[in-house]
């Protein structure tokens, strides 16, 4: 899946990183806890969160997330938008709840993988 496809799946609005929408998203994680994000041992994953501050962008950068999706129609703080643009991380807004966003992405990935269900808990929480 590409970031562009993710944006479409999540009815998203791209705030930064428009030039990186064709990058591959290998997996995704969803959390509102920065400590959970730091425990993720993946690269090129989409981080879905309800956090709107600049720390989520710094954490995404440290953990090699390929993009950040802010769910629940929450609006990011201006420092977060500025940092996303400066660091080149695509920042996407989605109107969906975290649960619905996860379901939508999982269904898309299942179709891509021939119906194979996903079971993953990279943060081991």
C-alpha atoms as a PDB file:
ATOM      1  CA  UNK A   1       0.000   0.000   0.000  1.00  0.00           C
ATOM      2  CA  UNK A   2       1.216   3.520  -0.687  1.00  0.00           C
ATOM      3  CA  UNK A   3       0.661   6.616   1.421  1.00  0.00           C
ATOM      4  CA  UNK A   4      -1.592   7.873  -1.400  1.00  0.00           C
ATOM      5  CA  UNK A   5      -3.774   4.759  -1.057  1.00  0.00           C
ATOM      6  CA  UNK A   6      -3.815   5.185   2.718  1.00  0.00           C
ATOM      7  CA  UNK A   7      -5.049   8.759   2.297  1.00  0.00           C
ATOM      8  CA  UNK A   8      -7.868   7.523   0.058  1.00  0.00           C
ATOM      9  CA  UNK A   9      -8.821   4.664   2.408  1.00  0.00           C
ATOM     10  CA  UNK A  10      -9.016   7.062   5.355  1.00  0.00           C
ATOM     11  CA  UNK A  11     -10.760   9.933   3.520  1.00  0.00           C
ATOM     12  CA  UNK A  12      -7.677  11.900   4.432  1.00  0.00           C
ATOM     13  CA  UNK A  13      -6.418  15.408   3.890  1.00  0.00           C
ATOM     14  CA  UNK A  14      -2.676  15.801   3.323  1.00  0.00           C
ATOM     15  CA  UNK A  15      -1.073  18.695   5.226  1.00  0.00           C
ATOM     16  CA  UNK A  16       2.565  17.970   4.397  1.00  0.00           C
ATOM     17  CA  UNK A  17       4.753  15.614   2.407  1.00  0.00           C
ATOM     18  CA  UNK A  18       2.726  15.695  -0.803  1.00  0.00           C
ATOM     19  CA  UNK A  19       5.866  14.700  -2.719  1.00  0.00           C
ATOM     20  CA  UNK A  20       6.154  11.446  -0.714  1.00  0.00           C
ATOM     21  CA  UNK A  21       2.675   9.997  -1.298  1.00  0.00           C
ATOM     22  CA  UNK A  22       4.003   7.202  -3.507  1.00  0.00           C
ATOM     23  CA  UNK A  23       6.175   5.746  -0.720  1.00  0.00           C
ATOM     24  CA  UNK A  24       5.292   2.237   0.410  1.00  0.00           C
ATOM     25  CA  UNK A  25       3.567   1.694   3.744  1.00  0.00           C
ATOM     26  CA  UNK A  26       4.663  -1.716   5.031  1.00  0.00           C
ATOM     27  CA  UNK A  27       2.499  -1.764   8.172  1.00  0.00           C
ATOM     28  CA  UNK A  28       0.653   0.507  10.562  1.00  0.00           C
ATOM     29  CA  UNK A  29       0.372   1.192  14.272  1.00  0.00           C
ATOM     30  CA  UNK A  30      -2.321   3.017  16.211  1.00  0.00           C
ATOM     31  CA  UNK A  31      -1.826   4.563  19.635  1.00  0.00           C
ATOM     32  CA  UNK A  32      -2.154   7.735  21.651  1.00  0.00           C
ATOM     33  CA  UNK A  33       0.776   6.828  23.911  1.00  0.00           C
ATOM     34  CA  UNK A  34       4.258   7.963  22.923  1.00  0.00           C
ATOM     35  CA  UNK A  35       5.789   5.136  24.949  1.00  0.00           C
ATOM     36  CA  UNK A  36       3.953   2.617  22.745  1.00  0.00           C
ATOM     37  CA  UNK A  37       5.280   4.324  19.620  1.00  0.00           C
ATOM     38  CA  UNK A  38       8.835   4.100  20.939  1.00  0.00           C
ATOM     39  CA  UNK A  39       8.416   0.346  21.402  1.00  0.00           C
ATOM     40  CA  UNK A  40       7.529  -0.240  17.737  1.00  0.00           C
ATOM     41  CA  UNK A  41      10.242  -2.192  15.943  1.00  0.00           C
ATOM     42  CA  UNK A  42       9.181  -1.545  12.353  1.00  0.00           C
ATOM     43  CA  UNK A  43      10.163   0.791   9.573  1.00  0.00           C
ATOM     44  CA  UNK A  44       8.052   2.434   6.905  1.00  0.00           C
ATOM     45  CA  UNK A  45       4.894   2.149   8.951  1.00  0.00           C
ATOM     46  CA  UNK A  46       1.946   4.543   9.163  1.00  0.00           C
ATOM     47  CA  UNK A  47       1.409   5.938  12.638  1.00  0.00           C
ATOM     48  CA  UNK A  48      -2.251   6.614  13.431  1.00  0.00           C
ATOM     49  CA  UNK A  49      -2.877   8.727  16.513  1.00  0.00           C
ATOM     50  CA  UNK A  50      -5.083  11.294  18.136  1.00  0.00           C
ATOM     51  CA  UNK A  51      -2.085  13.278  19.369  1.00  0.00           C
ATOM     52  CA  UNK A  52      -1.718  16.689  17.764  1.00  0.00           C
ATOM     53  CA  UNK A  53       1.533  18.116  19.146  1.00  0.00           C
ATOM     54  CA  UNK A  54       5.026  18.285  17.671  1.00  0.00           C
ATOM     55  CA  UNK A  55       6.261  15.435  19.893  1.00  0.00           C
ATOM     56  CA  UNK A  56       4.329  12.912  17.825  1.00  0.00           C
ATOM     57  CA  UNK A  57       6.255  14.027  14.714  1.00  0.00           C
ATOM     58  CA  UNK A  58       9.578  13.793  16.535  1.00  0.00           C
ATOM     59  CA  UNK A  59       8.664  10.318  17.763  1.00  0.00           C
ATOM     60  CA  UNK A  60       7.542   9.248  14.280  1.00  0.00           C
ATOM     61  CA  UNK A  61      10.867  10.433  12.886  1.00  0.00           C
ATOM     62  CA  UNK A  62      12.869   8.544  15.538  1.00  0.00           C
ATOM     63  CA  UNK A  63      10.950   5.312  14.902  1.00  0.00           C
ATOM     64  CA  UNK A  64      11.115   5.537  11.085  1.00  0.00           C
ATOM     65  CA  UNK A  65       7.403   5.997  10.490  1.00  0.00           C
ATOM     66  CA  UNK A  66       6.707   6.869   6.858  1.00  0.00           C
ATOM     67  CA  UNK A  67       3.725   9.087   7.740  1.00  0.00           C
ATOM     68  CA  UNK A  68       1.513  10.258  10.581  1.00  0.00           C
ATOM     69  CA  UNK A  69      -2.286  10.115  10.423  1.00  0.00           C
ATOM     70  CA  UNK A  70      -4.211  12.182  12.963  1.00  0.00           C
ATOM     71  CA  UNK A  71      -7.642  10.634  13.475  1.00  0.00           C
ATOM     72  CA  UNK A  72     -10.986  11.848  14.884  1.00  0.00           C
ATOM     73  CA  UNK A  73     -10.974  15.141  12.968  1.00  0.00           C
ATOM     74  CA  UNK A  74      -8.469  16.534  15.452  1.00  0.00           C
ATOM     75  CA  UNK A  75      -6.505  19.517  14.230  1.00  0.00           C
ATOM     76  CA  UNK A  76      -2.739  19.463  14.727  1.00  0.00           C
ATOM     77  CA  UNK A  77      -1.002  22.274  16.529  1.00  0.00           C
ATOM     78  CA  UNK A  78       0.927  24.650  14.248  1.00  0.00           C
ATOM     79  CA  UNK A  79       4.348  23.508  15.573  1.00  0.00           C
ATOM     80  CA  UNK A  80       3.445  19.945  14.513  1.00  0.00           C
ATOM     81  CA  UNK A  81       2.575  21.071  10.982  1.00  0.00           C
ATOM     82  CA  UNK A  82       5.774  23.112  10.774  1.00  0.00           C
ATOM     83  CA  UNK A  83       7.896  20.178  11.967  1.00  0.00           C
ATOM     84  CA  UNK A  84       6.180  17.773   9.549  1.00  0.00           C
ATOM     85  CA  UNK A  85       6.943  20.104   6.632  1.00  0.00           C
ATOM     86  CA  UNK A  86      10.520  20.682   7.758  1.00  0.00           C
ATOM     87  CA  UNK A  87      11.253  16.992   8.295  1.00  0.00           C
ATOM     88  CA  UNK A  88       9.392  15.843   5.179  1.00  0.00           C
ATOM     89  CA  UNK A  89       7.049  13.476   7.016  1.00  0.00           C
ATOM     90  CA  UNK A  90       3.631  13.268   5.386  1.00  0.00           C
ATOM     91  CA  UNK A  91       0.994  14.466   7.848  1.00  0.00           C
ATOM     92  CA  UNK A  92      -2.567  13.342   7.125  1.00  0.00           C
ATOM     93  CA  UNK A  93      -5.849  14.230   8.802  1.00  0.00           C
ATOM     94  CA  UNK A  94      -8.689  11.688   8.888  1.00  0.00           C
ATOM     95  CA  UNK A  95     -12.268  12.129  10.079  1.00  0.00           C
ATOM     96  CA  UNK A  96     -12.512   8.491  11.181  1.00  0.00           C
ATOM     97  CA  UNK A  97     -12.165   7.200  14.719  1.00  0.00           C
ATOM     98  CA  UNK A  98      -9.021   5.254  15.525  1.00  0.00           C
ATOM     99  CA  UNK A  99     -10.988   1.989  15.548  1.00  0.00           C
ATOM    100  CA  UNK A 100     -12.646   2.671  12.193  1.00  0.00           C
ATOM    101  CA  UNK A 101      -9.338   3.775  10.647  1.00  0.00           C
ATOM    102  CA  UNK A 102      -7.680   0.532  11.798  1.00  0.00           C
ATOM    103  CA  UNK A 103     -10.560  -1.536  10.413  1.00  0.00           C
ATOM    104  CA  UNK A 104     -10.414   0.234   7.049  1.00  0.00           C
ATOM    105  CA  UNK A 105      -6.663  -0.269   6.693  1.00  0.00           C
ATOM    106  CA  UNK A 106      -6.850  -3.885   7.862  1.00  0.00           C
ATOM    107  CA  UNK A 107      -9.595  -4.685   5.340  1.00  0.00           C
ATOM    108  CA  UNK A 108      -7.546  -3.112   2.548  1.00  0.00           C
ATOM    109  CA  UNK A 109      -4.434  -5.076   3.536  1.00  0.00           C
ATOM    110  CA  UNK A 110      -6.412  -8.313   3.774  1.00  0.00           C
ATOM    111  CA  UNK A 111      -7.644  -7.792   0.215  1.00  0.00           C
ATOM    112  CA  UNK A 112      -4.082  -7.110  -0.917  1.00  0.00           C
ATOM    113  CA  UNK A 113      -2.866 -10.276   0.819  1.00  0.00           C
ATOM    114  CA  UNK A 114      -5.546 -12.520  -0.604  1.00  0.00           C
ATOM    115  CA  UNK A 115      -7.770 -12.524   2.482  1.00  0.00           C
ATOM    116  CA  UNK A 116      -5.081 -13.397   5.034  1.00  0.00           C
ATOM    117  CA  UNK A 117      -5.954 -11.885   8.402  1.00  0.00           C
ATOM    118  CA  UNK A 118      -3.415  -9.719  10.183  1.00  0.00           C
ATOM    119  CA  UNK A 119      -2.450 -10.384  13.757  1.00  0.00           C
ATOM    120  CA  UNK A 120       0.265  -8.100  15.002  1.00  0.00           C
ATOM    121  CA  UNK A 121       1.148  -6.424  18.267  1.00  0.00           C
ATOM    122  CA  UNK A 122       4.605  -4.898  17.698  1.00  0.00           C
ATOM    123  CA  UNK A 123       4.557  -2.960  20.974  1.00  0.00           C
ATOM    124  CA  UNK A 124       3.673  -6.145  22.847  1.00  0.00           C
ATOM    125  CA  UNK A 125       1.028  -4.318  24.867  1.00  0.00           C
END
